[in-house]
Protein backbone atom coordinates (compact mmCIF):
# COMPACT_ATOMS: atom_id res chain seq x y z
CA MET A 1 12.43 5.82 -6.53
CA THR A 2 10.95 9.00 -5.17
CA ARG A 3 8.32 9.51 -2.58
CA LYS A 4 5.80 10.64 -5.42
CA GLU A 5 6.65 7.60 -7.50
CA ILE A 6 6.00 5.24 -4.41
CA GLU A 7 2.70 6.90 -3.89
CA GLU A 8 1.72 6.95 -7.36
CA THR A 9 2.60 3.18 -7.63
CA VAL A 10 0.79 2.21 -4.80
CA LYS A 11 -2.30 4.22 -5.62
CA ASP A 12 -2.13 2.79 -9.26
CA PHE A 13 -2.23 -1.02 -8.09
CA LEU A 14 -4.88 -0.40 -5.21
CA VAL A 15 -7.16 1.21 -8.24
CA GLU A 16 -6.25 -1.12 -11.02
CA ASP A 17 -5.49 -4.37 -9.37
CA LEU A 18 -7.68 -4.28 -6.42
CA GLU A 19 -10.47 -2.21 -7.98
CA LEU A 20 -10.64 0.14 -4.87
CA ASN A 21 -12.02 3.64 -5.24
CA GLU A 22 -9.43 6.19 -6.36
CA GLU A 23 -11.26 9.09 -4.46
CA LYS A 24 -10.93 7.50 -1.17
CA ILE A 25 -7.30 7.15 -1.54
CA LYS A 26 -5.71 10.14 0.37
CA PRO A 27 -2.53 10.21 2.83
CA GLU A 28 -4.66 10.10 6.17
CA ALA A 29 -7.36 7.49 4.68
CA LEU A 30 -7.19 4.38 6.97
CA LEU A 31 -6.36 1.51 4.71
CA LYS A 32 -9.14 -0.87 6.20
CA GLU A 33 -12.01 1.43 7.12
CA ASP A 34 -11.65 4.21 4.47
CA ILE A 35 -10.27 2.65 1.66
CA GLY A 36 -11.70 -0.82 2.16
CA VAL A 37 -8.51 -3.12 2.09
CA ASP A 38 -9.62 -6.50 3.57
CA SER A 39 -7.65 -9.47 4.37
CA LEU A 40 -8.19 -10.86 0.94
CA ASP A 41 -6.54 -7.75 -0.74
CA PHE A 42 -3.85 -7.88 1.64
CA VAL A 43 -2.75 -11.01 0.23
CA ASP A 44 -2.72 -9.50 -3.27
CA ILE A 45 -0.74 -6.65 -1.86
CA VAL A 46 1.89 -8.49 -0.68
CA VAL A 47 2.32 -10.24 -4.01
CA ILE A 48 2.16 -6.73 -6.08
CA VAL A 49 4.46 -5.16 -3.76
CA GLU A 50 6.94 -7.87 -4.18
CA LYS A 51 6.72 -7.66 -7.90
CA LYS A 52 6.72 -3.81 -8.14
CA PHE A 53 9.40 -3.02 -5.22
CA GLY A 54 11.25 -6.28 -4.92
CA PHE A 55 10.83 -7.05 -1.34
CA LYS A 56 8.47 -9.03 0.72
CA ILE A 57 6.19 -7.58 3.46
CA LYS A 58 6.66 -9.12 6.75
CA ALA A 59 3.45 -8.93 8.68
CA GLU A 60 4.75 -8.09 12.16
CA GLU A 61 6.39 -4.93 10.45
CA MET A 62 2.65 -3.90 8.95
CA GLN A 63 1.08 -4.10 12.74
CA ASN A 64 1.41 -0.28 13.06
CA VAL A 65 0.59 0.62 9.24
CA LYS A 66 -2.87 2.21 9.39
CA THR A 67 -2.90 4.84 6.80
CA PHE A 68 -2.10 5.05 2.95
CA SER A 69 0.57 7.51 4.17
CA GLN A 70 2.23 4.90 6.59
CA PHE A 71 1.91 2.35 3.92
CA CYS A 72 4.01 4.45 1.58
CA ASP A 73 6.44 5.24 4.39
CA TYR A 74 7.01 1.78 5.17
CA ILE A 75 7.81 0.93 1.44
CA GLU A 76 10.12 3.94 1.22
CA GLN A 77 11.99 2.83 4.40
CA ARG A 78 12.47 -0.88 2.83
CA LEU A 79 13.82 0.65 -0.34
CA LYS A 80 16.51 2.62 1.30
């Protein structure tokens, strides 16, 4: 899966499944502050990522993930 495909997949589920504003989803956008991901959304994200990408997110690995781009970086690394 290419980086572009990862970004599109993540953007799609943030908009479609979590009903977040697509216009706010930019590479540098902060997940919580800018995009509006809250703790309940994060639970859904864990389930969706497992279904779409085939691995479980570990909370400790997500501590330094703040932006949309960093989240896609994390997924890209886990897929290698």
